[in-house]
Full PDB file with SEQRES, HELIX, SHEET, SSBOND, CRYST1, ORIGX, SCALE, CONECT and MASTER records, all heavy atoms in Angstrom:
SEQRES   1 A   37  ASP PHE SER VAL PHE TYR ARG ASP VAL ARG ASP TRP VAL          
SEQRES   2 A   37  GLY ALA SER PRO MET ILE GLN ALA TYR LEU PRO ASN VAL          
SEQRES   3 A   37  GLN TYR SER GLN TYR ALA ASN LYS ASP TYR SER                  
SHEET    1 AA1 2 TRP A  12  ALA A  15  0                                        
SHEET    2 AA1 2 TYR A  31  ASP A  35 -1                                        
SHEET    1 AA2 2 ILE A  19  GLN A  20  0                                        
SHEET    2 AA2 2 GLN A  27  TYR A  28 -1                                        
CRYST1    1.000    1.000    1.000  90.00  90.00  90.00 P 1           1          
ORIGX1      1.000000  0.000000  0.000000        0.00000                         
ORIGX2      0.000000  1.000000  0.000000        0.00000                         
ORIGX3      0.000000  0.000000  1.000000        0.00000                         
SCALE1      1.000000  0.000000  0.000000        0.00000                         
SCALE2      0.000000  1.000000  0.000000        0.00000                         
SCALE3      0.000000  0.000000  1.000000        0.00000                         
ATOM      1  N   ASP A   1       0.869  -1.175  -0.018  1.00  0.00           N  
ATOM      2  CA  ASP A   1       0.004  -0.002  -0.027  1.00  0.00           C  
ATOM      3  C   ASP A   1       0.894   1.214   0.008  1.00  0.00           C  
ATOM      4  O   ASP A   1       1.666   1.436   0.939  1.00  0.00           O  
ATOM      5  CB  ASP A   1      -0.909  -0.013   1.214  1.00  0.00           C  
ATOM      6  CG  ASP A   1      -1.975   1.102   1.212  1.00  0.00           C  
ATOM      7  OD1 ASP A   1      -1.844   2.045   0.326  1.00  0.00           O  
ATOM      8  OD2 ASP A   1      -2.895   1.068   2.017  1.00  0.00           O  
ATOM      9  N   PHE A   2       0.789   2.036  -1.040  1.00  0.00           N  
ATOM     10  CA  PHE A   2       1.640   3.255  -1.170  1.00  0.00           C  
ATOM     11  C   PHE A   2       0.694   4.443  -1.163  1.00  0.00           C  
ATOM     12  O   PHE A   2      -0.274   4.516  -1.939  1.00  0.00           O  
ATOM     13  CB  PHE A   2       2.438   3.228  -2.425  1.00  0.00           C  
ATOM     14  CG  PHE A   2       3.272   4.460  -2.653  1.00  0.00           C  
ATOM     15  CD1 PHE A   2       4.441   4.677  -1.951  1.00  0.00           C  
ATOM     16  CD2 PHE A   2       2.871   5.452  -3.545  1.00  0.00           C  
ATOM     17  CE1 PHE A   2       5.202   5.854  -2.140  1.00  0.00           C  
ATOM     18  CE2 PHE A   2       3.603   6.590  -3.769  1.00  0.00           C  
ATOM     19  CZ  PHE A   2       4.790   6.784  -3.031  1.00  0.00           C  
ATOM     20  N   SER A   3       0.934   5.449  -0.296  1.00  0.00           N  
ATOM     21  CA  SER A   3       0.093   6.609  -0.149  1.00  0.00           C  
ATOM     22  C   SER A   3       0.918   7.847  -0.075  1.00  0.00           C  
ATOM     23  O   SER A   3       1.965   7.908   0.565  1.00  0.00           O  
ATOM     24  CB  SER A   3      -0.795   6.526   1.094  1.00  0.00           C  
ATOM     25  OG  SER A   3      -1.650   5.383   1.041  1.00  0.00           O  
ATOM     26  N   VAL A   4       0.433   8.921  -0.686  1.00  0.00           N  
ATOM     27  CA  VAL A   4       1.011  10.259  -0.620  1.00  0.00           C  
ATOM     28  C   VAL A   4      -0.004  11.134   0.065  1.00  0.00           C  
ATOM     29  O   VAL A   4      -1.189  11.086  -0.233  1.00  0.00           O  
ATOM     30  CB  VAL A   4       1.319  10.804  -2.065  1.00  0.00           C  
ATOM     31  CG1 VAL A   4       1.884  12.201  -1.976  1.00  0.00           C  
ATOM     32  CG2 VAL A   4       2.323   9.887  -2.775  1.00  0.00           C  
ATOM     33  N   PHE A   5       0.453  11.972   1.027  1.00  0.00           N  
ATOM     34  CA  PHE A   5      -0.479  12.783   1.775  1.00  0.00           C  
ATOM     35  C   PHE A   5       0.014  14.217   1.922  1.00  0.00           C  
ATOM     36  O   PHE A   5       1.233  14.491   1.773  1.00  0.00           O  
ATOM     37  CB  PHE A   5      -0.697  12.179   3.170  1.00  0.00           C  
ATOM     38  CG  PHE A   5       0.533  12.106   4.016  1.00  0.00           C  
ATOM     39  CD1 PHE A   5       0.963  13.188   4.816  1.00  0.00           C  
ATOM     40  CD2 PHE A   5       1.299  10.955   4.019  1.00  0.00           C  
ATOM     41  CE1 PHE A   5       2.103  13.080   5.581  1.00  0.00           C  
ATOM     42  CE2 PHE A   5       2.470  10.856   4.774  1.00  0.00           C  
ATOM     43  CZ  PHE A   5       2.851  11.934   5.585  1.00  0.00           C  
ATOM     44  N   TYR A   6      -0.897  15.114   2.190  1.00  0.00           N  
ATOM     45  CA  TYR A   6      -0.606  16.498   2.460  1.00  0.00           C  
ATOM     46  C   TYR A   6      -1.594  17.039   3.478  1.00  0.00           C  
ATOM     47  O   TYR A   6      -2.818  16.842   3.313  1.00  0.00           O  
ATOM     48  CB  TYR A   6      -0.697  17.347   1.166  1.00  0.00           C  
ATOM     49  CG  TYR A   6      -0.432  18.830   1.396  1.00  0.00           C  
ATOM     50  CD1 TYR A   6       0.867  19.320   1.482  1.00  0.00           C  
ATOM     51  CD2 TYR A   6      -1.488  19.706   1.515  1.00  0.00           C  
ATOM     52  CE1 TYR A   6       1.114  20.652   1.702  1.00  0.00           C  
ATOM     53  CE2 TYR A   6      -1.245  21.064   1.715  1.00  0.00           C  
ATOM     54  CZ  TYR A   6       0.064  21.545   1.817  1.00  0.00           C  
ATOM     55  OH  TYR A   6       0.278  22.864   2.001  1.00  0.00           O  
ATOM     56  N   ARG A   7      -1.111  17.683   4.517  1.00  0.00           N  
ATOM     57  CA  ARG A   7      -1.985  18.281   5.558  1.00  0.00           C  
ATOM     58  C   ARG A   7      -1.683  19.751   5.672  1.00  0.00           C  
ATOM     59  O   ARG A   7      -0.538  20.164   5.836  1.00  0.00           O  
ATOM     60  CB  ARG A   7      -1.739  17.593   6.921  1.00  0.00           C  
ATOM     61  CG  ARG A   7      -2.025  16.117   6.933  1.00  0.00           C  
ATOM     62  CD  ARG A   7      -1.927  15.540   8.344  1.00  0.00           C  
ATOM     63  NE  ARG A   7      -2.037  14.083   8.356  1.00  0.00           N  
ATOM     64  CZ  ARG A   7      -1.032  13.267   8.497  1.00  0.00           C  
ATOM     65  NH1 ARG A   7       0.198  13.742   8.693  1.00  0.00           N  
ATOM     66  NH2 ARG A   7      -1.225  11.943   8.481  1.00  0.00           N  
ATOM     67  N   ASP A   8      -2.720  20.549   5.603  1.00  0.00           N  
ATOM     68  CA  ASP A   8      -2.608  21.989   5.706  1.00  0.00           C  
ATOM     69  C   ASP A   8      -3.303  22.443   6.967  1.00  0.00           C  
ATOM     70  O   ASP A   8      -4.490  22.192   7.123  1.00  0.00           O  
ATOM     71  CB  ASP A   8      -3.283  22.640   4.446  1.00  0.00           C  
ATOM     72  CG  ASP A   8      -3.109  24.115   4.404  1.00  0.00           C  
ATOM     73  OD1 ASP A   8      -2.080  24.579   3.845  1.00  0.00           O  
ATOM     74  OD2 ASP A   8      -3.975  24.864   4.932  1.00  0.00           O  
ATOM     75  N   VAL A   9      -2.590  23.038   7.925  1.00  0.00           N  
ATOM     76  CA  VAL A   9      -3.158  23.413   9.224  1.00  0.00           C  
ATOM     77  C   VAL A   9      -3.259  24.901   9.362  1.00  0.00           C  
ATOM     78  O   VAL A   9      -2.223  25.624   9.294  1.00  0.00           O  
ATOM     79  CB  VAL A   9      -2.293  22.817  10.365  1.00  0.00           C  
ATOM     80  CG1 VAL A   9      -2.909  23.133  11.729  1.00  0.00           C  
ATOM     81  CG2 VAL A   9      -2.057  21.336  10.195  1.00  0.00           C  
ATOM     82  N   ARG A  10      -4.467  25.377   9.488  1.00  0.00           N  
ATOM     83  CA  ARG A  10      -4.752  26.800   9.663  1.00  0.00           C  
ATOM     84  C   ARG A  10      -5.162  27.087  11.106  1.00  0.00           C  
ATOM     85  O   ARG A  10      -5.544  26.184  11.819  1.00  0.00           O  
ATOM     86  CB  ARG A  10      -5.860  27.277   8.702  1.00  0.00           C  
ATOM     87  CG  ARG A  10      -5.602  26.942   7.252  1.00  0.00           C  
ATOM     88  CD  ARG A  10      -4.682  27.947   6.610  1.00  0.00           C  
ATOM     89  NE  ARG A  10      -4.349  27.596   5.245  1.00  0.00           N  
ATOM     90  CZ  ARG A  10      -3.741  28.434   4.388  1.00  0.00           C  
ATOM     91  NH1 ARG A  10      -3.417  29.650   4.785  1.00  0.00           N  
ATOM     92  NH2 ARG A  10      -3.449  28.060   3.150  1.00  0.00           N  
ATOM     93  N   ASP A  11      -5.130  28.360  11.478  1.00  0.00           N  
ATOM     94  CA  ASP A  11      -5.456  28.781  12.859  1.00  0.00           C  
ATOM     95  C   ASP A  11      -4.577  28.072  13.888  1.00  0.00           C  
ATOM     96  O   ASP A  11      -5.026  27.766  14.990  1.00  0.00           O  
ATOM     97  CB  ASP A  11      -6.923  28.525  13.151  1.00  0.00           C  
ATOM     98  CG  ASP A  11      -7.827  29.565  12.491  1.00  0.00           C  
ATOM     99  OD1 ASP A  11      -7.340  30.688  12.220  1.00  0.00           O  
ATOM    100  OD2 ASP A  11      -9.037  29.317  12.312  1.00  0.00           O  
ATOM    101  N   TRP A  12      -3.317  27.798  13.493  1.00  0.00           N  
ATOM    102  CA  TRP A  12      -2.357  27.277  14.417  1.00  0.00           C  
ATOM    103  C   TRP A  12      -2.143  28.290  15.519  1.00  0.00           C  
ATOM    104  O   TRP A  12      -1.986  29.474  15.256  1.00  0.00           O  
ATOM    105  CB  TRP A  12      -1.043  27.039  13.623  1.00  0.00           C  
ATOM    106  CG  TRP A  12       0.052  26.294  14.303  1.00  0.00           C  
ATOM    107  CD1 TRP A  12       1.178  26.847  14.815  1.00  0.00           C  
ATOM    108  CD2 TRP A  12       0.164  24.875  14.505  1.00  0.00           C  
ATOM    109  NE1 TRP A  12       2.019  25.880  15.338  1.00  0.00           N  
ATOM    110  CE2 TRP A  12       1.396  24.663  15.168  1.00  0.00           C  
ATOM    111  CE3 TRP A  12      -0.648  23.772  14.251  1.00  0.00           C  
ATOM    112  CZ2 TRP A  12       1.832  23.393  15.532  1.00  0.00           C  
ATOM    113  CZ3 TRP A  12      -0.237  22.544  14.598  1.00  0.00           C  
ATOM    114  CH2 TRP A  12       0.991  22.351  15.242  1.00  0.00           C  
ATOM    115  N   VAL A  13      -2.101  27.876  16.749  1.00  0.00           N  
ATOM    116  CA  VAL A  13      -2.074  28.800  17.861  1.00  0.00           C  
ATOM    117  C   VAL A  13      -0.682  29.430  17.980  1.00  0.00           C  
ATOM    118  O   VAL A  13       0.343  28.725  18.026  1.00  0.00           O  
ATOM    119  CB  VAL A  13      -2.462  28.097  19.198  1.00  0.00           C  
ATOM    120  CG1 VAL A  13      -2.372  29.066  20.358  1.00  0.00           C  
ATOM    121  CG2 VAL A  13      -3.886  27.553  19.093  1.00  0.00           C  
ATOM    122  N   GLY A  14      -0.683  30.740  18.083  1.00  0.00           N  
ATOM    123  CA  GLY A  14       0.580  31.479  18.303  1.00  0.00           C  
ATOM    124  C   GLY A  14       0.326  32.508  19.427  1.00  0.00           C  
ATOM    125  O   GLY A  14      -0.540  32.306  20.287  1.00  0.00           O  
ATOM    126  N   ALA A  15       1.045  33.615  19.398  1.00  0.00           N  
ATOM    127  CA  ALA A  15       0.897  34.652  20.411  1.00  0.00           C  
ATOM    128  C   ALA A  15       0.678  35.973  19.729  1.00  0.00           C  
ATOM    129  O   ALA A  15       1.270  36.253  18.693  1.00  0.00           O  
ATOM    130  CB  ALA A  15       2.146  34.713  21.270  1.00  0.00           C  
ATOM    131  N   SER A  16      -0.254  36.761  20.295  1.00  0.00           N  
ATOM    132  CA  SER A  16      -0.568  38.052  19.687  1.00  0.00           C  
ATOM    133  C   SER A  16       0.571  39.060  19.938  1.00  0.00           C  
ATOM    134  O   SER A  16       1.425  38.837  20.760  1.00  0.00           O  
ATOM    135  CB  SER A  16      -1.845  38.616  20.302  1.00  0.00           C  
ATOM    136  OG  SER A  16      -1.610  38.998  21.683  1.00  0.00           O  
ATOM    137  N   PRO A  17       0.605  40.167  19.148  1.00  0.00           N  
ATOM    138  CA  PRO A  17       1.604  41.215  19.435  1.00  0.00           C  
ATOM    139  C   PRO A  17       1.438  41.736  20.881  1.00  0.00           C  
ATOM    140  O   PRO A  17       0.386  41.640  21.499  1.00  0.00           O  
ATOM    141  CB  PRO A  17       1.272  42.290  18.404  1.00  0.00           C  
ATOM    142  CG  PRO A  17       0.537  41.573  17.311  1.00  0.00           C  
ATOM    143  CD  PRO A  17      -0.200  40.459  17.987  1.00  0.00           C  
ATOM    144  N   MET A  18       2.504  42.289  21.386  1.00  0.00           N  
ATOM    145  CA  MET A  18       2.490  42.802  22.746  1.00  0.00           C  
ATOM    146  C   MET A  18       1.468  43.976  22.871  1.00  0.00           C  
ATOM    147  O   MET A  18       1.437  44.833  21.984  1.00  0.00           O  
ATOM    148  CB  MET A  18       3.863  43.257  23.182  1.00  0.00           C  
ATOM    149  CG  MET A  18       4.831  42.129  23.487  1.00  0.00           C  
ATOM    150  SD  MET A  18       4.272  41.194  24.883  1.00  0.00           S  
ATOM    151  CE  MET A  18       5.620  39.962  24.965  1.00  0.00           C  
ATOM    152  N   ILE A  19       0.751  44.013  23.944  1.00  0.00           N  
ATOM    153  CA  ILE A  19      -0.238  45.014  24.236  1.00  0.00           C  
ATOM    154  C   ILE A  19       0.239  45.854  25.431  1.00  0.00           C  
ATOM    155  O   ILE A  19       0.570  45.240  26.487  1.00  0.00           O  
ATOM    156  CB  ILE A  19      -1.623  44.437  24.494  1.00  0.00           C  
ATOM    157  CG1 ILE A  19      -2.069  43.583  23.292  1.00  0.00           C  
ATOM    158  CG2 ILE A  19      -2.654  45.526  24.808  1.00  0.00           C  
ATOM    159  CD1 ILE A  19      -3.304  42.739  23.532  1.00  0.00           C  
ATOM    160  N   GLN A  20       0.291  47.123  25.308  1.00  0.00           N  
ATOM    161  CA  GLN A  20       0.783  47.986  26.396  1.00  0.00           C  
ATOM    162  C   GLN A  20      -0.321  48.174  27.443  1.00  0.00           C  
ATOM    163  O   GLN A  20      -1.441  48.544  27.112  1.00  0.00           O  
ATOM    164  CB  GLN A  20       1.215  49.353  25.837  1.00  0.00           C  
ATOM    165  CG  GLN A  20       1.719  50.283  26.936  1.00  0.00           C  
ATOM    166  CD  GLN A  20       2.976  49.793  27.599  1.00  0.00           C  
ATOM    167  OE1 GLN A  20       3.936  49.413  26.965  1.00  0.00           O  
ATOM    168  NE2 GLN A  20       2.966  49.796  28.957  1.00  0.00           N  
ATOM    169  N   ALA A  21      -0.021  47.849  28.691  1.00  0.00           N  
ATOM    170  CA  ALA A  21      -0.951  48.049  29.774  1.00  0.00           C  
ATOM    171  C   ALA A  21      -0.908  49.486  30.257  1.00  0.00           C  
ATOM    172  O   ALA A  21      -0.034  50.248  29.838  1.00  0.00           O  
ATOM    173  CB  ALA A  21      -0.660  47.070  30.928  1.00  0.00           C  
ATOM    174  N   TYR A  22      -1.831  49.883  31.162  1.00  0.00           N  
ATOM    175  CA  TYR A  22      -1.814  51.206  31.708  1.00  0.00           C  
ATOM    176  C   TYR A  22      -0.577  51.465  32.614  1.00  0.00           C  
ATOM    177  O   TYR A  22      -0.083  52.597  32.674  1.00  0.00           O  
ATOM    178  CB  TYR A  22      -3.061  51.492  32.541  1.00  0.00           C  
ATOM    179  CG  TYR A  22      -4.324  51.616  31.673  1.00  0.00           C  
ATOM    180  CD1 TYR A  22      -5.288  50.630  31.684  1.00  0.00           C  
ATOM    181  CD2 TYR A  22      -4.516  52.730  30.838  1.00  0.00           C  
ATOM    182  CE1 TYR A  22      -6.443  50.744  30.889  1.00  0.00           C  
ATOM    183  CE2 TYR A  22      -5.629  52.825  30.039  1.00  0.00           C  
ATOM    184  CZ  TYR A  22      -6.592  51.825  30.067  1.00  0.00           C  
ATOM    185  OH  TYR A  22      -7.710  51.942  29.258  1.00  0.00           O  
ATOM    186  N   LEU A  23      -0.115  50.383  33.222  1.00  0.00           N  
ATOM    187  CA  LEU A  23       1.104  50.512  34.046  1.00  0.00           C  
ATOM    188  C   LEU A  23       2.312  50.688  33.151  1.00  0.00           C  
ATOM    189  O   LEU A  23       2.422  50.057  32.087  1.00  0.00           O  
ATOM    190  CB  LEU A  23       1.264  49.282  34.904  1.00  0.00           C  
ATOM    191  CG  LEU A  23       0.139  48.983  35.912  1.00  0.00           C  
ATOM    192  CD1 LEU A  23       0.376  47.652  36.560  1.00  0.00           C  
ATOM    193  CD2 LEU A  23       0.086  50.084  36.972  1.00  0.00           C  
ATOM    194  N   PRO A  24       3.254  51.545  33.489  1.00  0.00           N  
ATOM    195  CA  PRO A  24       4.411  51.728  32.650  1.00  0.00           C  
ATOM    196  C   PRO A  24       5.296  50.496  32.618  1.00  0.00           C  
ATOM    197  O   PRO A  24       5.443  49.779  33.573  1.00  0.00           O  
ATOM    198  CB  PRO A  24       5.147  52.903  33.341  1.00  0.00           C  
ATOM    199  CG  PRO A  24       4.672  52.918  34.730  1.00  0.00           C  
ATOM    200  CD  PRO A  24       3.269  52.406  34.709  1.00  0.00           C  
ATOM    201  N   ASN A  25       5.829  50.204  31.446  1.00  0.00           N  
ATOM    202  CA  ASN A  25       6.738  49.070  31.195  1.00  0.00           C  
ATOM    203  C   ASN A  25       6.101  47.727  31.517  1.00  0.00           C  
ATOM    204  O   ASN A  25       6.803  46.730  31.828  1.00  0.00           O  
ATOM    205  CB  ASN A  25       8.000  49.248  32.039  1.00  0.00           C  
ATOM    206  CG  ASN A  25       8.807  50.505  31.647  1.00  0.00           C  
ATOM    207  OD1 ASN A  25       8.894  50.814  30.481  1.00  0.00           O  
ATOM    208  ND2 ASN A  25       9.293  51.190  32.645  1.00  0.00           N  
ATOM    209  N   VAL A  26       4.807  47.628  31.448  1.00  0.00           N  
ATOM    210  CA  VAL A  26       4.097  46.391  31.631  1.00  0.00           C  
ATOM    211  C   VAL A  26       3.338  46.097  30.324  1.00  0.00           C  
ATOM    212  O   VAL A  26       2.528  46.888  29.889  1.00  0.00           O  
ATOM    213  CB  VAL A  26       3.099  46.447  32.813  1.00  0.00           C  
ATOM    214  CG1 VAL A  26       2.315  45.116  32.897  1.00  0.00           C  
ATOM    215  CG2 VAL A  26       3.882  46.661  34.117  1.00  0.00           C  
ATOM    216  N   GLN A  27       3.627  44.953  29.748  1.00  0.00           N  
ATOM    217  CA  GLN A  27       2.994  44.542  28.500  1.00  0.00           C  
ATOM    218  C   GLN A  27       2.485  43.104  28.636  1.00  0.00           C  
ATOM    219  O   GLN A  27       2.985  42.354  29.478  1.00  0.00           O  
ATOM    220  CB  GLN A  27       3.973  44.635  27.316  1.00  0.00           C  
ATOM    221  CG  GLN A  27       4.430  46.028  27.011  1.00  0.00           C  
ATOM    222  CD  GLN A  27       5.450  46.040  25.869  1.00  0.00           C  
ATOM    223  OE1 GLN A  27       6.348  45.220  25.839  1.00  0.00           O  
ATOM    224  NE2 GLN A  27       5.275  46.971  24.929  1.00  0.00           N  
ATOM    225  N   TYR A  28       1.514  42.756  27.827  1.00  0.00           N  
ATOM    226  CA  TYR A  28       1.026  41.407  27.843  1.00  0.00           C  
ATOM    227  C   TYR A  28       0.656  40.926  26.432  1.00  0.00           C  
ATOM    228  O   TYR A  28       0.401  41.764  25.548  1.00  0.00           O  
ATOM    229  CB  TYR A  28      -0.170  41.233  28.791  1.00  0.00           C  
ATOM    230  CG  TYR A  28      -1.425  41.972  28.349  1.00  0.00           C  
ATOM    231  CD1 TYR A  28      -2.417  41.300  27.596  1.00  0.00           C  
ATOM    232  CD2 TYR A  28      -1.642  43.293  28.667  1.00  0.00           C  
ATOM    233  CE1 TYR A  28      -3.571  41.948  27.197  1.00  0.00           C  
ATOM    234  CE2 TYR A  28      -2.783  43.955  28.281  1.00  0.00           C  
ATOM    235  CZ  TYR A  28      -3.762  43.275  27.552  1.00  0.00           C  
ATOM    236  OH  TYR A  28      -4.894  43.901  27.160  1.00  0.00           O  
ATOM    237  N   SER A  29       0.598  39.639  26.283  1.00  0.00           N  
ATOM    238  CA  SER A  29       0.193  39.023  25.050  1.00  0.00           C  
ATOM    239  C   SER A  29      -0.802  37.917  25.303  1.00  0.00           C  
ATOM    240  O   SER A  29      -0.871  37.443  26.453  1.00  0.00           O  
ATOM    241  CB  SER A  29       1.448  38.465  24.295  1.00  0.00           C  
ATOM    242  OG  SER A  29       1.056  37.731  23.140  1.00  0.00           O  
ATOM    243  N   GLN A  30      -1.598  37.557  24.308  1.00  0.00           N  
ATOM    244  CA  GLN A  30      -2.564  36.465  24.470  1.00  0.00           C  
ATOM    245  C   GLN A  30      -2.312  35.417  23.360  1.00  0.00           C  
ATOM    246  O   GLN A  30      -1.819  35.747  22.279  1.00  0.00           O  
ATOM    247  CB  GLN A  30      -4.002  36.965  24.317  1.00  0.00           C  
ATOM    248  CG  GLN A  30      -4.577  37.558  25.572  1.00  0.00           C  
ATOM    249  CD  GLN A  30      -6.095  37.847  25.388  1.00  0.00           C  
ATOM    250  OE1 GLN A  30      -6.472  38.663  24.559  1.00  0.00           O  
ATOM    251  NE2 GLN A  30      -6.889  37.158  26.173  1.00  0.00           N  
ATOM    252  N   TYR A  31      -2.647  34.205  23.658  1.00  0.00           N  
ATOM    253  CA  TYR A  31      -2.648  33.179  22.609  1.00  0.00           C  
ATOM    254  C   TYR A  31      -3.635  33.596  21.532  1.00  0.00           C  
ATOM    255  O   TYR A  31      -4.715  34.083  21.843  1.00  0.00           O  
ATOM    256  CB  TYR A  31      -3.002  31.831  23.179  1.00  0.00           C  
ATOM    257  CG  TYR A  31      -1.986  31.254  24.138  1.00  0.00           C  
ATOM    258  CD1 TYR A  31      -2.267  31.076  25.473  1.00  0.00           C  
ATOM    259  CD2 TYR A  31      -0.719  30.858  23.637  1.00  0.00           C  
ATOM    260  CE1 TYR A  31      -1.296  30.538  26.348  1.00  0.00           C  
ATOM    261  CE2 TYR A  31       0.215  30.328  24.532  1.00  0.00           C  
ATOM    262  CZ  TYR A  31      -0.089  30.178  25.874  1.00  0.00           C  
ATOM    263  OH  TYR A  31       0.872  29.647  26.718  1.00  0.00           O  
ATOM    264  N   ALA A  32      -3.227  33.375  20.258  1.00  0.00           N  
ATOM    265  CA  ALA A  32      -4.078  33.807  19.137  1.00  0.00           C  
ATOM    266  C   ALA A  32      -3.923  32.860  17.990  1.00  0.00           C  
ATOM    267  O   ALA A  32      -2.871  32.211  17.824  1.00  0.00           O  
ATOM    268  CB  ALA A  32      -3.681  35.236  18.710  1.00  0.00           C  
ATOM    269  N   ASN A  33      -4.998  32.763  17.187  1.00  0.00           N  
ATOM    270  CA  ASN A  33      -4.903  31.927  15.962  1.00  0.00           C  
ATOM    271  C   ASN A  33      -4.272  32.738  14.884  1.00  0.00           C  
ATOM    272  O   ASN A  33      -4.921  33.404  14.097  1.00  0.00           O  
ATOM    273  CB  ASN A  33      -6.357  31.542  15.558  1.00  0.00           C  
ATOM    274  CG  ASN A  33      -7.095  30.716  16.552  1.00  0.00           C  
ATOM    275  OD1 ASN A  33      -7.984  31.194  17.233  1.00  0.00           O  
ATOM    276  ND2 ASN A  33      -6.689  29.472  16.711  1.00  0.00           N  
ATOM    277  N   LYS A  34      -2.948  32.643  14.781  1.00  0.00           N  
ATOM    278  CA  LYS A  34      -2.251  33.476  13.796  1.00  0.00           C  
ATOM    279  C   LYS A  34      -1.126  32.780  13.057  1.00  0.00           C  
ATOM    280  O   LYS A  34      -0.500  33.323  12.169  1.00  0.00           O  
ATOM    281  CB  LYS A  34      -1.728  34.745  14.482  1.00  0.00           C  
ATOM    282  CG  LYS A  34      -0.648  34.494  15.555  1.00  0.00           C  
ATOM    283  CD  LYS A  34      -0.240  35.757  16.257  1.00  0.00           C  
ATOM    284  CE  LYS A  34       0.509  36.686  15.354  1.00  0.00           C  
ATOM    285  NZ  LYS A  34       1.824  36.213  14.944  1.00  0.00           N  
ATOM    286  N   ASP A  35      -0.844  31.516  13.408  1.00  0.00           N  
ATOM    287  CA  ASP A  35       0.269  30.833  12.771  1.00  0.00           C  
ATOM    288  C   ASP A  35      -0.238  29.758  11.822  1.00  0.00           C  
ATOM    289  O   ASP A  35      -1.433  29.483  11.693  1.00  0.00           O  
ATOM    290  CB  ASP A  35       1.199  30.232  13.836  1.00  0.00           C  
ATOM    291  CG  ASP A  35       2.030  31.329  14.500  1.00  0.00           C  
ATOM    292  OD1 ASP A  35       2.415  32.271  13.819  1.00  0.00           O  
ATOM    293  OD2 ASP A  35       2.246  31.237  15.712  1.00  0.00           O  
ATOM    294  N   TYR A  36       0.713  29.086  11.167  1.00  0.00           N  
ATOM    295  CA  TYR A  36       0.402  28.136  10.093  1.00  0.00           C  
ATOM    296  C   TYR A  36       1.428  27.009  10.083  1.00  0.00           C  
ATOM    297  O   TYR A  36       2.549  27.211  10.452  1.00  0.00           O  
ATOM    298  CB  TYR A  36       0.407  28.878   8.735  1.00  0.00           C  
ATOM    299  CG  TYR A  36       0.365  27.978   7.543  1.00  0.00           C  
ATOM    300  CD1 TYR A  36      -0.849  27.461   7.084  1.00  0.00           C  
ATOM    301  CD2 TYR A  36       1.531  27.632   6.876  1.00  0.00           C  
ATOM    302  CE1 TYR A  36      -0.880  26.612   5.975  1.00  0.00           C  
ATOM    303  CE2 TYR A  36       1.499  26.818   5.736  1.00  0.00           C  
ATOM    304  CZ  TYR A  36       0.283  26.283   5.315  1.00  0.00           C  
ATOM    305  OH  TYR A  36       0.234  25.463   4.236  1.00  0.00           O  
ATOM    306  N   SER A  37       0.995  25.833   9.681  1.00  0.00           N  
ATOM    307  CA  SER A  37       1.927  24.750   9.465  1.00  0.00           C  
ATOM    308  C   SER A  37       1.372  23.784   8.432  1.00  0.00           C  
ATOM    309  O   SER A  37       0.175  23.792   8.092  1.00  0.00           O  
ATOM    310  CB  SER A  37       2.121  23.936  10.816  1.00  0.00           C  
ATOM    311  OG  SER A  37       0.966  23.252  11.161  1.00  0.00           O  
TER     312      SER A  37                                                      
MASTER        0    0    0    0    4    0    0    6  311    1    0    3          
END                                                                             
C-alpha cells in the first residue's frame, strides 16, 4: 500500500503582538490563531 499525503493546518495557535498596559513598562500578550503549518 503506497500513499502520498498533504496536511494543511490553519489557525495554528501562536501569540498576539504585545499590548501595552496602563502601568508603565508592563505589557502582555494572548494566545491567538495566527500561525500556520
